[in-house]
PDB file of N, CA and C in Angstrom:
ATOM      1  N   MET A   1      -7.812  -5.754 -15.930  1.00  0.00           N
ATOM      2  CA  MET A   1      -7.101  -4.519 -15.671  1.00  0.00           C
ATOM      3  C   MET A   1      -5.609  -4.762 -15.884  1.00  0.00           C
ATOM      4  N   ARG A   2      -4.972  -3.859 -16.612  1.00  0.00           N
ATOM      5  CA  ARG A   2      -3.535  -3.990 -16.833  1.00  0.00           C
ATOM      6  C   ARG A   2      -2.776  -3.703 -15.552  1.00  0.00           C
ATOM      7  N   GLU A   3      -1.580  -4.258 -15.433  1.00  0.00           N
ATOM      8  CA  GLU A   3      -0.795  -4.140 -14.211  1.00  0.00           C
ATOM      9  C   GLU A   3      -0.446  -2.695 -13.873  1.00  0.00           C
ATOM     10  N   GLY A   4      -0.041  -1.897 -14.842  1.00  0.00           N
ATOM     11  CA  GLY A   4       0.350  -0.509 -14.595  1.00  0.00           C
ATOM     12  C   GLY A   4      -0.729   0.300 -13.900  1.00  0.00           C
ATOM     13  N   PRO A   5      -1.947   0.355 -14.454  1.00  0.00           N
ATOM     14  CA  PRO A   5      -3.013   1.112 -13.783  1.00  0.00           C
ATOM     15  C   PRO A   5      -3.329   0.566 -12.386  1.00  0.00           C
ATOM     16  N   PHE A   6      -3.276  -0.745 -12.216  1.00  0.00           N
ATOM     17  CA  PHE A   6      -3.518  -1.311 -10.885  1.00  0.00           C
ATOM     18  C   PHE A   6      -2.472  -0.814  -9.902  1.00  0.00           C
ATOM     19  N   ARG A   7      -1.215  -0.878 -10.301  1.00  0.00           N
ATOM     20  CA  ARG A   7      -0.135  -0.450  -9.406  1.00  0.00           C
ATOM     21  C   ARG A   7      -0.311   0.995  -8.992  1.00  0.00           C
ATOM     22  N   ARG A   8      -0.606   1.862  -9.951  1.00  0.00           N
ATOM     23  CA  ARG A   8      -0.758   3.286  -9.629  1.00  0.00           C
ATOM     24  C   ARG A   8      -1.945   3.514  -8.703  1.00  0.00           C
ATOM     25  N   THR A   9      -3.072   2.899  -9.011  1.00  0.00           N
ATOM     26  CA  THR A   9      -4.280   3.089  -8.213  1.00  0.00           C
ATOM     27  C   THR A   9      -4.100   2.526  -6.809  1.00  0.00           C
ATOM     28  N   PHE A  10      -3.534   1.337  -6.707  1.00  0.00           N
ATOM     29  CA  PHE A  10      -3.298   0.731  -5.397  1.00  0.00           C
ATOM     30  C   PHE A  10      -2.322   1.585  -4.595  1.00  0.00           C
ATOM     31  N   GLY A  11      -1.250   2.018  -5.246  1.00  0.00           N
ATOM     32  CA  GLY A  11      -0.257   2.848  -4.566  1.00  0.00           C
ATOM     33  C   GLY A  11      -0.841   4.145  -4.036  1.00  0.00           C
ATOM     34  N   ARG A  12      -1.678   4.792  -4.843  1.00  0.00           N
ATOM     35  CA  ARG A  12      -2.323   6.039  -4.390  1.00  0.00           C
ATOM     36  C   ARG A  12      -3.234   5.779  -3.210  1.00  0.00           C
ATOM     37  N   ALA A  13      -3.957   4.660  -3.231  1.00  0.00           N
ATOM     38  CA  ALA A  13      -4.872   4.333  -2.126  1.00  0.00           C
ATOM     39  C   ALA A  13      -4.100   4.078  -0.833  1.00  0.00           C
ATOM     40  N   VAL A  14      -2.968   3.388  -0.938  1.00  0.00           N
ATOM     41  CA  VAL A  14      -2.140   3.134   0.251  1.00  0.00           C
ATOM     42  C   VAL A  14      -1.605   4.453   0.803  1.00  0.00           C
ATOM     43  N   LYS A  15      -1.084   5.287  -0.069  1.00  0.00           N
ATOM     44  CA  LYS A  15      -0.533   6.576   0.371  1.00  0.00           C
ATOM     45  C   LYS A  15      -1.597   7.443   1.031  1.00  0.00           C
ATOM     46  N   LYS A  16      -2.773   7.504   0.422  1.00  0.00           N
ATOM     47  CA  LYS A  16      -3.861   8.313   0.979  1.00  0.00           C
ATOM     48  C   LYS A  16      -4.246   7.808   2.368  1.00  0.00           C
ATOM     49  N   ALA A  17      -4.418   6.510   2.509  1.00  0.00           N
ATOM     50  CA  ALA A  17      -4.785   5.933   3.811  1.00  0.00           C
ATOM     51  C   ALA A  17      -3.685   6.173   4.838  1.00  0.00           C
ATOM     52  N   ARG A  18      -2.436   6.049   4.420  1.00  0.00           N
ATOM     53  CA  ARG A  18      -1.307   6.273   5.335  1.00  0.00           C
ATOM     54  C   ARG A  18      -1.292   7.718   5.817  1.00  0.00           C
ATOM     55  N   GLU A  19      -1.437   8.647   4.895  1.00  0.00           N
ATOM     56  CA  GLU A  19      -1.407  10.068   5.258  1.00  0.00           C
ATOM     57  C   GLU A  19      -2.599  10.458   6.123  1.00  0.00           C
ATOM     58  N   GLU A  20      -3.768   9.881   5.854  1.00  0.00           N
ATOM     59  CA  GLU A  20      -4.957  10.161   6.675  1.00  0.00           C
ATOM     60  C   GLU A  20      -4.748   9.725   8.124  1.00  0.00           C
ATOM     61  N   ARG A  21      -3.893   8.739   8.319  1.00  0.00           N
ATOM     62  CA  ARG A  21      -3.623   8.229   9.671  1.00  0.00           C
ATOM     63  C   ARG A  21      -2.396   8.877  10.292  1.00  0.00           C
ATOM     64  N   GLY A  22      -1.780   9.788   9.568  1.00  0.00           N
ATOM     65  CA  GLY A  22      -0.624  10.496  10.077  1.00  0.00           C
ATOM     66  C   GLY A  22       0.613   9.626  10.243  1.00  0.00           C
ATOM     67  N   LEU A  23       0.728   8.599   9.405  1.00  0.00           N
ATOM     68  CA  LEU A  23       1.863   7.684   9.490  1.00  0.00           C
ATOM     69  C   LEU A  23       2.936   8.054   8.474  1.00  0.00           C
ATOM     70  N   THR A  24       4.182   7.850   8.843  1.00  0.00           N
ATOM     71  CA  THR A  24       5.268   7.982   7.879  1.00  0.00           C
ATOM     72  C   THR A  24       5.382   6.663   7.116  1.00  0.00           C
ATOM     73  N   GLN A  25       6.103   6.703   6.016  1.00  0.00           N
ATOM     74  CA  GLN A  25       6.338   5.458   5.279  1.00  0.00           C
ATOM     75  C   GLN A  25       7.062   4.460   6.169  1.00  0.00           C
ATOM     76  N   ARG A  26       8.022   4.929   6.927  1.00  0.00           N
ATOM     77  CA  ARG A  26       8.784   4.028   7.797  1.00  0.00           C
ATOM     78  C   ARG A  26       7.872   3.369   8.836  1.00  0.00           C
ATOM     79  N   GLU A  27       6.969   4.141   9.435  1.00  0.00           N
ATOM     80  CA  GLU A  27       6.065   3.586  10.447  1.00  0.00           C
ATOM     81  C   GLU A  27       5.149   2.519   9.853  1.00  0.00           C
ATOM     82  N   LEU A  28       4.572   2.819   8.688  1.00  0.00           N
ATOM     83  CA  LEU A  28       3.687   1.844   8.056  1.00  0.00           C
ATOM     84  C   LEU A  28       4.475   0.604   7.631  1.00  0.00           C
ATOM     85  N   ALA A  29       5.637   0.815   7.056  1.00  0.00           N
ATOM     86  CA  ALA A  29       6.452  -0.318   6.609  1.00  0.00           C
ATOM     87  C   ALA A  29       6.807  -1.227   7.785  1.00  0.00           C
ATOM     88  N   GLU A  30       7.190  -0.644   8.903  1.00  0.00           N
ATOM     89  CA  GLU A  30       7.524  -1.450  10.081  1.00  0.00           C
ATOM     90  C   GLU A  30       6.310  -2.224  10.562  1.00  0.00           C
ATOM     91  N   SER A  31       5.164  -1.569  10.576  1.00  0.00           N
ATOM     92  CA  SER A  31       3.934  -2.220  11.033  1.00  0.00           C
ATOM     93  C   SER A  31       3.526  -3.365  10.108  1.00  0.00           C
ATOM     94  N   ALA A  32       3.773  -3.192   8.807  1.00  0.00           N
ATOM     95  CA  ALA A  32       3.414  -4.221   7.822  1.00  0.00           C
ATOM     96  C   ALA A  32       4.544  -5.228   7.600  1.00  0.00           C
ATOM     97  N   HIS A  33       5.674  -5.003   8.252  1.00  0.00           N
ATOM     98  CA  HIS A  33       6.839  -5.900   8.132  1.00  0.00           C
ATOM     99  C   HIS A  33       7.374  -5.976   6.701  1.00  0.00           C
ATOM    100  N   ILE A  34       7.516  -4.787   6.093  1.00  0.00           N
ATOM    101  CA  ILE A  34       8.155  -4.696   4.780  1.00  0.00           C
ATOM    102  C   ILE A  34       9.178  -3.565   4.839  1.00  0.00           C
ATOM    103  N   ALA A  35      10.061  -3.515   3.866  1.00  0.00           N
ATOM    104  CA  ALA A  35      11.070  -2.460   3.796  1.00  0.00           C
ATOM    105  C   ALA A  35      10.417  -1.138   3.395  1.00  0.00           C
ATOM    106  N   ASP A  36      10.882  -0.046   3.988  1.00  0.00           N
ATOM    107  CA  ASP A  36      10.313   1.256   3.654  1.00  0.00           C
ATOM    108  C   ASP A  36      10.582   1.626   2.191  1.00  0.00           C
ATOM    109  N   LYS A  37      11.678   1.180   1.624  1.00  0.00           N
ATOM    110  CA  LYS A  37      11.956   1.441   0.204  1.00  0.00           C
ATOM    111  C   LYS A  37      10.945   0.702  -0.687  1.00  0.00           C
ATOM    112  N   TYR A  38      10.553  -0.486  -0.271  1.00  0.00           N
ATOM    113  CA  TYR A  38       9.544  -1.246  -1.013  1.00  0.00           C
ATOM    114  C   TYR A  38       8.195  -0.529  -0.935  1.00  0.00           C
ATOM    115  N   LEU A  39       7.842  -0.027   0.239  1.00  0.00           N
ATOM    116  CA  LEU A  39       6.589   0.729   0.388  1.00  0.00           C
ATOM    117  C   LEU A  39       6.615   1.964  -0.506  1.00  0.00           C
ATOM    118  N   SER A  40       7.736   2.644  -0.555  1.00  0.00           N
ATOM    119  CA  SER A  40       7.853   3.814  -1.425  1.00  0.00           C
ATOM    120  C   SER A  40       7.586   3.438  -2.875  1.00  0.00           C
ATOM    121  N   ARG A  41       8.168   2.329  -3.326  1.00  0.00           N
ATOM    122  CA  ARG A  41       7.955   1.871  -4.699  1.00  0.00           C
ATOM    123  C   ARG A  41       6.494   1.495  -4.940  1.00  0.00           C
ATOM    124  N   ILE A  42       5.838   0.908  -3.948  1.00  0.00           N
ATOM    125  CA  ILE A  42       4.415   0.570  -4.069  1.00  0.00           C
ATOM    126  C   ILE A  42       3.599   1.852  -4.218  1.00  0.00           C
ATOM    127  N   GLU A  43       3.846   2.826  -3.346  1.00  0.00           N
ATOM    128  CA  GLU A  43       3.084   4.078  -3.388  1.00  0.00           C
ATOM    129  C   GLU A  43       3.295   4.838  -4.695  1.00  0.00           C
ATOM    130  N   LEU A  44       4.474   4.731  -5.277  1.00  0.00           N
ATOM    131  CA  LEU A  44       4.766   5.414  -6.544  1.00  0.00           C
ATOM    132  C   LEU A  44       4.242   4.641  -7.759  1.00  0.00           C
ATOM    133  N   GLY A  45       3.709   3.446  -7.523  1.00  0.00           N
ATOM    134  CA  GLY A  45       3.195   2.637  -8.623  1.00  0.00           C
ATOM    135  C   GLY A  45       4.291   1.939  -9.399  1.00  0.00           C
ATOM    136  N   LEU A  46       5.450   1.750  -8.765  1.00  0.00           N
ATOM    137  CA  LEU A  46       6.578   1.110  -9.433  1.00  0.00           C
ATOM    138  C   LEU A  46       6.725  -0.359  -9.063  1.00  0.00           C
ATOM    139  N   ALA A  47       5.984  -0.804  -8.056  1.00  0.00           N
ATOM    140  CA  ALA A  47       6.050  -2.200  -7.624  1.00  0.00           C
ATOM    141  C   ALA A  47       4.634  -2.707  -7.378  1.00  0.00           C
ATOM    142  N   THR A  48       4.415  -3.957  -7.727  1.00  0.00           N
ATOM    143  CA  THR A  48       3.132  -4.605  -7.480  1.00  0.00           C
ATOM    144  C   THR A  48       3.302  -5.563  -6.304  1.00  0.00           C
ATOM    145  N   PRO A  49       2.614  -5.286  -5.189  1.00  0.00           N
ATOM    146  CA  PRO A  49       2.762  -6.170  -4.029  1.00  0.00           C
ATOM    147  C   PRO A  49       2.019  -7.485  -4.246  1.00  0.00           C
ATOM    148  N   SER A  50       2.503  -8.518  -3.597  1.00  0.00           N
ATOM    149  CA  SER A  50       1.770  -9.785  -3.599  1.00  0.00           C
ATOM    150  C   SER A  50       0.488  -9.595  -2.794  1.00  0.00           C
ATOM    151  N   VAL A  51      -0.421 -10.530  -2.921  1.00  0.00           N
ATOM    152  CA  VAL A  51      -1.661 -10.464  -2.131  1.00  0.00           C
ATOM    153  C   VAL A  51      -1.319 -10.484  -0.646  1.00  0.00           C
ATOM    154  N   TYR A  52      -0.306 -11.245  -0.273  1.00  0.00           N
ATOM    155  CA  TYR A  52       0.118 -11.334   1.117  1.00  0.00           C
ATOM    156  C   TYR A  52       0.587  -9.972   1.635  1.00  0.00           C
ATOM    157  N   VAL A  53       1.425  -9.287   0.883  1.00  0.00           N
ATOM    158  CA  VAL A  53       1.913  -7.966   1.296  1.00  0.00           C
ATOM    159  C   VAL A  53       0.770  -6.953   1.292  1.00  0.00           C
ATOM    160  N   ALA A  54      -0.084  -7.006   0.286  1.00  0.00           N
ATOM    161  CA  ALA A  54      -1.218  -6.087   0.225  1.00  0.00           C
ATOM    162  C   ALA A  54      -2.126  -6.261   1.439  1.00  0.00           C
ATOM    163  N   SER A  55      -2.342  -7.502   1.850  1.00  0.00           N
ATOM    164  CA  SER A  55      -3.204  -7.735   3.015  1.00  0.00           C
ATOM    165  C   SER A  55      -2.519  -7.259   4.295  1.00  0.00           C
ATOM    166  N   ARG A  56      -1.201  -7.376   4.382  1.00  0.00           N
ATOM    167  CA  ARG A  56      -0.483  -6.857   5.559  1.00  0.00           C
ATOM    168  C   ARG A  56      -0.556  -5.341   5.604  1.00  0.00           C
ATOM    169  N   LEU A  57      -0.472  -4.695   4.459  1.00  0.00           N
ATOM    170  CA  LEU A  57      -0.616  -3.236   4.424  1.00  0.00           C
ATOM    171  C   LEU A  57      -2.018  -2.824   4.871  1.00  0.00           C
ATOM    172  N   ALA A  58      -3.028  -3.519   4.344  1.00  0.00           N
ATOM    173  CA  ALA A  58      -4.405  -3.199   4.727  1.00  0.00           C
ATOM    174  C   ALA A  58      -4.596  -3.366   6.234  1.00  0.00           C
ATOM    175  N   ARG A  59      -4.090  -4.456   6.777  1.00  0.00           N
ATOM    176  CA  ARG A  59      -4.217  -4.709   8.214  1.00  0.00           C
ATOM    177  C   ARG A  59      -3.498  -3.626   9.024  1.00  0.00           C
ATOM    178  N   ALA A  60      -2.304  -3.245   8.588  1.00  0.00           N
ATOM    179  CA  ALA A  60      -1.537  -2.211   9.288  1.00  0.00           C
ATOM    180  C   ALA A  60      -2.237  -0.853   9.227  1.00  0.00           C
ATOM    181  N   LEU A  61      -2.998  -0.629   8.153  1.00  0.00           N
ATOM    182  CA  LEU A  61      -3.742   0.627   8.011  1.00  0.00           C
ATOM    183  C   LEU A  61      -5.122   0.571   8.669  1.00  0.00           C
ATOM    184  N   GLY A  62      -5.530  -0.606   9.070  1.00  0.00           N
ATOM    185  CA  GLY A  62      -6.847  -0.747   9.705  1.00  0.00           C
ATOM    186  C   GLY A  62      -7.990  -0.647   8.725  1.00  0.00           C
ATOM    187  N   VAL A  63      -7.751  -1.074   7.475  1.00  0.00           N
ATOM    188  CA  VAL A  63      -8.803  -1.036   6.454  1.00  0.00           C
ATOM    189  C   VAL A  63      -8.910  -2.430   5.831  1.00  0.00           C
ATOM    190  N   SER A  64     -10.001  -2.652   5.114  1.00  0.00           N
ATOM    191  CA  SER A  64     -10.135  -3.914   4.389  1.00  0.00           C
ATOM    192  C   SER A  64      -9.288  -3.840   3.130  1.00  0.00           C
ATOM    193  N   LEU A  65      -8.901  -4.978   2.628  1.00  0.00           N
ATOM    194  CA  LEU A  65      -8.149  -5.005   1.380  1.00  0.00           C
ATOM    195  C   LEU A  65      -8.988  -4.416   0.243  1.00  0.00           C
ATOM    196  N   ASP A  66     -10.283  -4.611   0.308  1.00  0.00           N
ATOM    197  CA  ASP A  66     -11.182  -4.046  -0.706  1.00  0.00           C
ATOM    198  C   ASP A  66     -11.071  -2.529  -0.788  1.00  0.00           C
ATOM    199  N   ALA A  67     -10.773  -1.888   0.347  1.00  0.00           N
ATOM    200  CA  ALA A  67     -10.661  -0.418   0.362  1.00  0.00           C
ATOM    201  C   ALA A  67      -9.445   0.061  -0.421  1.00  0.00           C
ATOM    202  N   LEU A  68      -8.462  -0.819  -0.606  1.00  0.00           N
ATOM    203  CA  LEU A  68      -7.234  -0.427  -1.306  1.00  0.00           C
ATOM    204  C   LEU A  68      -7.185  -0.906  -2.751  1.00  0.00           C
ATOM    205  N   VAL A  69      -8.015  -1.893  -3.087  1.00  0.00           N
ATOM    206  CA  VAL A  69      -7.985  -2.487  -4.416  1.00  0.00           C
ATOM    207  C   VAL A  69      -9.037  -1.815  -5.298  1.00  0.00           C
ATOM    208  N   PRO A  70      -8.617  -1.296  -6.445  1.00  0.00           N
ATOM    209  CA  PRO A  70      -9.601  -0.660  -7.326  1.00  0.00           C
ATOM    210  C   PRO A  70     -10.621  -1.646  -7.862  1.00  0.00           C
ATOM    211  N   ALA A  71     -11.850  -1.176  -8.015  1.00  0.00           N
ATOM    212  CA  ALA A  71     -12.930  -2.022  -8.525  1.00  0.00           C
ATOM    213  C   ALA A  71     -12.842  -2.200 -10.013  1.00  0.00           C
TER     214      ALA A  71
END
C-alpha cells in the first residue's frame, strides 16, 4: 500500500473514532501525549504516525490498532 492512501485511510479512521466518542482533537491529543496540531495533520492525511504514536492513539480511543489500520 502506498503511503498516501494509508495516511488518508488511517486519518479518517482516527477522526471517526474520535468523533464517535465525543472527543475534541485537543482531548485526544492530550490523552495520547501528542500535539493537537500533529493530530490534525494525521486526521487530514498529511502526516504518517509512527507505530508508537498510532498505538498510543488506539489506546487513547479504546480500540485495537487493527481497528484503525486499513486491511
